C-alpha cells in the first residue's frame, strides 16, 4: 500500500533499505534512522527526509 507519492510506508522503506520493519521501529526507539510521521496508526516516512538521512549517513572512503 502506498500512502502517498511523497511518502514511504514502513513496508516500502524496509524493502527499499533491505531491513526489516522491526529494525525501522528499533531505530526510531533509539533515535536513529530517518525521521517519521505517525498519522493515526499509520507510520510514514517523507521521501525527501529519507534522502537527506541517507546523504547524512554517507561515509567517505578516506584519502588516497
PDB file of N, CA and C in Angstrom:
ATOM      1  N   UNK A   1       0.842  -1.188   0.000  1.00  0.00           N
ATOM      2  CA  UNK A   1       0.000   0.000   0.000  1.00  0.00           C
ATOM      3  C   UNK A   1       0.881   1.242   0.000  1.00  0.00           C
ATOM      4  N   UNK A   2       0.636   2.146  -0.886  1.00  0.00           N
ATOM      5  CA  UNK A   2       1.373   3.408  -0.937  1.00  0.00           C
ATOM      6  C   UNK A   2       0.532   4.472  -0.260  1.00  0.00           C
ATOM      7  N   UNK A   3       1.109   5.135   0.737  1.00  0.00           N
ATOM      8  CA  UNK A   3       0.379   6.166   1.471  1.00  0.00           C
ATOM      9  C   UNK A   3       0.179   7.399   0.594  1.00  0.00           C
ATOM     10  N   UNK A   4       1.205   7.766  -0.143  1.00  0.00           N
ATOM     11  CA  UNK A   4       1.197   8.984  -0.939  1.00  0.00           C
ATOM     12  C   UNK A   4       2.467   8.965  -1.769  1.00  0.00           C
ATOM     13  N   UNK A   5       2.461   9.655  -2.892  1.00  0.00           N
ATOM     14  CA  UNK A   5       3.669   9.668  -3.727  1.00  0.00           C
ATOM     15  C   UNK A   5       4.849  10.353  -3.045  1.00  0.00           C
ATOM     16  N   UNK A   6       4.599  11.141  -2.007  1.00  0.00           N
ATOM     17  CA  UNK A   6       5.675  11.837  -1.306  1.00  0.00           C
ATOM     18  C   UNK A   6       6.159  11.099  -0.060  1.00  0.00           C
ATOM     19  N   UNK A   7       5.550   9.955   0.247  1.00  0.00           N
ATOM     20  CA  UNK A   7       5.855   9.226   1.480  1.00  0.00           C
ATOM     21  C   UNK A   7       6.058   7.740   1.217  1.00  0.00           C
ATOM     22  N   UNK A   8       6.883   7.120   2.053  1.00  0.00           N
ATOM     23  CA  UNK A   8       7.034   5.667   2.079  1.00  0.00           C
ATOM     24  C   UNK A   8       6.272   5.134   3.282  1.00  0.00           C
ATOM     25  N   UNK A   9       5.653   3.978   3.136  1.00  0.00           N
ATOM     26  CA  UNK A   9       5.149   3.274   4.308  1.00  0.00           C
ATOM     27  C   UNK A   9       6.333   2.539   4.926  1.00  0.00           C
ATOM     28  N   UNK A  10       6.142   1.998   6.109  1.00  0.00           N
ATOM     29  CA  UNK A  10       7.199   1.223   6.755  1.00  0.00           C
ATOM     30  C   UNK A  10       7.596   0.039   5.879  1.00  0.00           C
ATOM     31  N   UNK A  11       6.606  -0.648   5.305  1.00  0.00           N
ATOM     32  CA  UNK A  11       6.893  -1.807   4.456  1.00  0.00           C
ATOM     33  C   UNK A  11       7.701  -1.401   3.231  1.00  0.00           C
ATOM     34  N   UNK A  12       7.335  -0.292   2.596  1.00  0.00           N
ATOM     35  CA  UNK A  12       8.058   0.169   1.405  1.00  0.00           C
ATOM     36  C   UNK A  12       9.494   0.540   1.740  1.00  0.00           C
ATOM     37  N   UNK A  13       9.674   1.275   2.835  1.00  0.00           N
ATOM     38  CA  UNK A  13      11.018   1.710   3.198  1.00  0.00           C
ATOM     39  C   UNK A  13      11.873   0.529   3.644  1.00  0.00           C
ATOM     40  N   UNK A  14      11.311  -0.383   4.406  1.00  0.00           N
ATOM     41  CA  UNK A  14      12.096  -1.538   4.842  1.00  0.00           C
ATOM     42  C   UNK A  14      12.538  -2.366   3.637  1.00  0.00           C
ATOM     43  N   UNK A  15      11.673  -2.504   2.662  1.00  0.00           N
ATOM     44  CA  UNK A  15      12.027  -3.230   1.437  1.00  0.00           C
ATOM     45  C   UNK A  15      13.137  -2.494   0.677  1.00  0.00           C
ATOM     46  N   UNK A  16      13.000  -1.179   0.553  1.00  0.00           N
ATOM     47  CA  UNK A  16      13.977  -0.381  -0.170  1.00  0.00           C
ATOM     48  C   UNK A  16      15.358  -0.451   0.493  1.00  0.00           C
ATOM     49  N   UNK A  17      15.398  -0.416   1.827  1.00  0.00           N
ATOM     50  CA  UNK A  17      16.664  -0.422   2.557  1.00  0.00           C
ATOM     51  C   UNK A  17      17.192  -1.831   2.808  1.00  0.00           C
ATOM     52  N   UNK A  18      16.364  -2.836   2.572  1.00  0.00           N
ATOM     53  CA  UNK A  18      16.782  -4.208   2.839  1.00  0.00           C
ATOM     54  C   UNK A  18      16.861  -4.503   4.322  1.00  0.00           C
ATOM     55  N   UNK A  19      16.017  -3.862   5.082  1.00  0.00           N
ATOM     56  CA  UNK A  19      15.950  -4.042   6.536  1.00  0.00           C
ATOM     57  C   UNK A  19      14.524  -4.413   6.909  1.00  0.00           C
ATOM     58  N   UNK A  20      14.349  -5.065   8.031  1.00  0.00           N
ATOM     59  CA  UNK A  20      13.015  -5.469   8.443  1.00  0.00           C
ATOM     60  C   UNK A  20      12.262  -4.276   9.023  1.00  0.00           C
ATOM     61  N   UNK A  21      10.923  -4.332   9.003  1.00  0.00           N
ATOM     62  CA  UNK A  21      10.146  -3.280   9.670  1.00  0.00           C
ATOM     63  C   UNK A  21      10.516  -3.156  11.146  1.00  0.00           C
ATOM     64  N   UNK A  22      10.830  -4.281  11.769  1.00  0.00           N
ATOM     65  CA  UNK A  22      11.220  -4.240  13.184  1.00  0.00           C
ATOM     66  C   UNK A  22      12.489  -3.412  13.387  1.00  0.00           C
ATOM     67  N   UNK A  23      13.429  -3.515  12.452  1.00  0.00           N
ATOM     68  CA  UNK A  23      14.652  -2.703  12.537  1.00  0.00           C
ATOM     69  C   UNK A  23      14.319  -1.218  12.474  1.00  0.00           C
ATOM     70  N   UNK A  24      13.397  -0.838  11.578  1.00  0.00           N
ATOM     71  CA  UNK A  24      12.995   0.575  11.497  1.00  0.00           C
ATOM     72  C   UNK A  24      12.368   1.032  12.808  1.00  0.00           C
ATOM     73  N   UNK A  25      11.555   0.185  13.422  1.00  0.00           N
ATOM     74  CA  UNK A  25      10.947   0.534  14.711  1.00  0.00           C
ATOM     75  C   UNK A  25      12.016   0.669  15.799  1.00  0.00           C
ATOM     76  N   UNK A  26      13.002  -0.236  15.774  1.00  0.00           N
ATOM     77  CA  UNK A  26      14.089  -0.169  16.760  1.00  0.00           C
ATOM     78  C   UNK A  26      14.922   1.096  16.559  1.00  0.00           C
ATOM     79  N   UNK A  27      15.208   1.427  15.281  1.00  0.00           N
ATOM     80  CA  UNK A  27      15.940   2.666  15.011  1.00  0.00           C
ATOM     81  C   UNK A  27      15.203   3.859  15.597  1.00  0.00           C
ATOM     82  N   UNK A  28      13.893   3.894  15.409  1.00  0.00           N
ATOM     83  CA  UNK A  28      13.103   5.009  15.931  1.00  0.00           C
ATOM     84  C   UNK A  28      13.196   5.063  17.457  1.00  0.00           C
ATOM     85  N   UNK A  29      13.075   3.915  18.107  1.00  0.00           N
ATOM     86  CA  UNK A  29      13.151   3.855  19.570  1.00  0.00           C
ATOM     87  C   UNK A  29      14.508   4.337  20.079  1.00  0.00           C
ATOM     88  N   UNK A  30      15.556   4.100  19.290  1.00  0.00           N
ATOM     89  CA  UNK A  30      16.915   4.510  19.672  1.00  0.00           C
ATOM     90  C   UNK A  30      17.313   5.863  19.086  1.00  0.00           C
ATOM     91  N   UNK A  31      16.340   6.548  18.501  1.00  0.00           N
ATOM     92  CA  UNK A  31      16.568   7.851  17.869  1.00  0.00           C
ATOM     93  C   UNK A  31      17.639   7.779  16.786  1.00  0.00           C
ATOM     94  N   UNK A  32      17.558   6.731  15.983  1.00  0.00           N
ATOM     95  CA  UNK A  32      18.420   6.548  14.819  1.00  0.00           C
ATOM     96  C   UNK A  32      17.499   6.488  13.609  1.00  0.00           C
ATOM     97  N   UNK A  33      18.082   6.389  12.452  1.00  0.00           N
ATOM     98  CA  UNK A  33      17.271   6.214  11.259  1.00  0.00           C
ATOM     99  C   UNK A  33      16.588   7.486  10.810  1.00  0.00           C
ATOM    100  N   UNK A  34      15.835   7.379   9.720  1.00  0.00           N
ATOM    101  CA  UNK A  34      15.173   8.562   9.157  1.00  0.00           C
ATOM    102  C   UNK A  34      13.994   9.005  10.014  1.00  0.00           C
ATOM    103  N   UNK A  35      13.679  10.298   9.981  1.00  0.00           N
ATOM    104  CA  UNK A  35      12.518  10.779  10.730  1.00  0.00           C
ATOM    105  C   UNK A  35      11.227  10.206  10.153  1.00  0.00           C
ATOM    106  N   UNK A  36      10.227  10.076  11.003  1.00  0.00           N
ATOM    107  CA  UNK A  36       8.953   9.517  10.555  1.00  0.00           C
ATOM    108  C   UNK A  36       7.801  10.323  11.101  1.00  0.00           C
ATOM    109  N   UNK A  37       6.643  10.111  10.517  1.00  0.00           N
ATOM    110  CA  UNK A  37       5.420  10.780  10.939  1.00  0.00           C
ATOM    111  C   UNK A  37       4.375   9.717  11.195  1.00  0.00           C
ATOM    112  N   UNK A  38       3.602   9.897  12.237  1.00  0.00           N
ATOM    113  CA  UNK A  38       2.532   8.959  12.554  1.00  0.00           C
ATOM    114  C   UNK A  38       1.202   9.668  12.336  1.00  0.00           C
ATOM    115  N   UNK A  39       0.374   9.084  11.485  1.00  0.00           N
ATOM    116  CA  UNK A  39      -0.957   9.628  11.196  1.00  0.00           C
ATOM    117  C   UNK A  39      -1.948   8.578  11.666  1.00  0.00           C
ATOM    118  N   UNK A  40      -2.523   8.805  12.835  1.00  0.00           N
ATOM    119  CA  UNK A  40      -3.355   7.768  13.441  1.00  0.00           C
ATOM    120  C   UNK A  40      -2.453   6.595  13.784  1.00  0.00           C
ATOM    121  N   UNK A  41      -2.712   5.444  13.167  1.00  0.00           N
ATOM    122  CA  UNK A  41      -1.848   4.277  13.382  1.00  0.00           C
ATOM    123  C   UNK A  41      -0.873   4.055  12.236  1.00  0.00           C
ATOM    124  N   UNK A  42      -0.970   4.868  11.185  1.00  0.00           N
ATOM    125  CA  UNK A  42      -0.114   4.733  10.011  1.00  0.00           C
ATOM    126  C   UNK A  42       1.193   5.496  10.212  1.00  0.00           C
ATOM    127  N   UNK A  43       2.308   4.798  10.038  1.00  0.00           N
ATOM    128  CA  UNK A  43       3.627   5.420  10.123  1.00  0.00           C
ATOM    129  C   UNK A  43       4.132   5.614   8.704  1.00  0.00           C
ATOM    130  N   UNK A  44       4.554   6.828   8.388  1.00  0.00           N
ATOM    131  CA  UNK A  44       5.066   7.135   7.054  1.00  0.00           C
ATOM    132  C   UNK A  44       6.383   7.903   7.178  1.00  0.00           C
ATOM    133  N   UNK A  45       7.181   7.790   6.124  1.00  0.00           N
ATOM    134  CA  UNK A  45       8.476   8.445   6.045  1.00  0.00           C
ATOM    135  C   UNK A  45       8.480   9.332   4.809  1.00  0.00           C
ATOM    136  N   UNK A  46       8.704  10.636   4.997  1.00  0.00           N
ATOM    137  CA  UNK A  46       8.740  11.554   3.865  1.00  0.00           C
ATOM    138  C   UNK A  46       9.963  11.223   3.008  1.00  0.00           C
ATOM    139  N   UNK A  47       9.762  11.056   1.723  1.00  0.00           N
ATOM    140  CA  UNK A  47      10.842  10.650   0.819  1.00  0.00           C
ATOM    141  C   UNK A  47      12.016  11.612   0.861  1.00  0.00           C
ATOM    142  N   UNK A  48      11.754  12.909   0.916  1.00  0.00           N
ATOM    143  CA  UNK A  48      12.850  13.879   0.953  1.00  0.00           C
ATOM    144  C   UNK A  48      13.628  13.775   2.274  1.00  0.00           C
ATOM    145  N   UNK A  49      12.953  13.437   3.368  1.00  0.00           N
ATOM    146  CA  UNK A  49      13.634  13.262   4.658  1.00  0.00           C
ATOM    147  C   UNK A  49      14.497  12.005   4.645  1.00  0.00           C
ATOM    148  N   UNK A  50      14.005  10.947   4.007  1.00  0.00           N
ATOM    149  CA  UNK A  50      14.788   9.719   3.882  1.00  0.00           C
ATOM    150  C   UNK A  50      16.035   9.994   3.049  1.00  0.00           C
ATOM    151  N   UNK A  51      15.866  10.729   1.959  1.00  0.00           N
ATOM    152  CA  UNK A  51      17.009  11.076   1.113  1.00  0.00           C
ATOM    153  C   UNK A  51      18.042  11.887   1.891  1.00  0.00           C
ATOM    154  N   UNK A  52      17.598  12.865   2.672  1.00  0.00           N
ATOM    155  CA  UNK A  52      18.517  13.674   3.480  1.00  0.00           C
ATOM    156  C   UNK A  52      19.243  12.809   4.503  1.00  0.00           C
ATOM    157  N   UNK A  53      18.510  11.888   5.127  1.00  0.00           N
ATOM    158  CA  UNK A  53      19.102  10.993   6.112  1.00  0.00           C
ATOM    159  C   UNK A  53      20.166  10.116   5.452  1.00  0.00           C
ATOM    160  N   UNK A  54      19.856   9.585   4.274  1.00  0.00           N
ATOM    161  CA  UNK A  54      20.820   8.747   3.564  1.00  0.00           C
ATOM    162  C   UNK A  54      22.088   9.536   3.214  1.00  0.00           C
ATOM    163  N   UNK A  55      21.918  10.783   2.774  1.00  0.00           N
ATOM    164  CA  UNK A  55      23.091  11.626   2.463  1.00  0.00           C
ATOM    165  C   UNK A  55      23.924  11.859   3.714  1.00  0.00           C
ATOM    166  N   UNK A  56      23.269  12.085   4.826  1.00  0.00           N
ATOM    167  CA  UNK A  56      23.996  12.320   6.094  1.00  0.00           C
ATOM    168  C   UNK A  56      24.732  11.072   6.565  1.00  0.00           C
ATOM    169  N   UNK A  57      24.261   9.890   6.159  1.00  0.00           N
ATOM    170  CA  UNK A  57      24.881   8.630   6.572  1.00  0.00           C
ATOM    171  C   UNK A  57      26.043   8.213   5.675  1.00  0.00           C
ATOM    172  N   UNK A  58      26.259   8.938   4.570  1.00  0.00           N
ATOM    173  CA  UNK A  58      27.350   8.587   3.660  1.00  0.00           C
ATOM    174  C   UNK A  58      28.697   8.710   4.373  1.00  0.00           C
ATOM    175  N   UNK A  59      29.570   7.767   4.084  1.00  0.00           N
ATOM    176  CA  UNK A  59      30.900   7.769   4.680  1.00  0.00           C
ATOM    177  C   UNK A  59      31.912   7.875   3.565  1.00  0.00           C
ATOM    178  N   UNK A  60      32.835   8.812   3.724  1.00  0.00           N
ATOM    179  CA  UNK A  60      33.901   8.972   2.747  1.00  0.00           C
ATOM    180  C   UNK A  60      34.886   7.827   2.928  1.00  0.00           C
ATOM    181  N   UNK A  61      35.319   7.259   1.841  1.00  0.00           N
ATOM    182  CA  UNK A  61      36.242   6.129   1.888  1.00  0.00           C
ATOM    183  C   UNK A  61      37.631   6.492   2.396  1.00  0.00           C
ATOM    184  N   UNK A  62      37.900   7.739   2.607  1.00  0.00           N
ATOM    185  CA  UNK A  62      39.215   8.148   3.099  1.00  0.00           C
ATOM    186  C   UNK A  62      40.083   8.706   1.985  1.00  0.00           C
ATOM    187  N   UNK A  63      41.167   9.300   2.374  1.00  0.00           N
ATOM    188  CA  UNK A  63      42.083   9.903   1.418  1.00  0.00           C
ATOM    189  C   UNK A  63      42.886   8.818   0.713  1.00  0.00           C
ATOM    190  N   UNK A  64      43.258   9.101  -0.515  1.00  0.00           N
ATOM    191  CA  UNK A  64      44.086   8.141  -1.282  1.00  0.00           C
ATOM    192  C   UNK A  64      45.526   8.270  -0.931  1.00  0.00           C
TER     193      UNK A  64
END
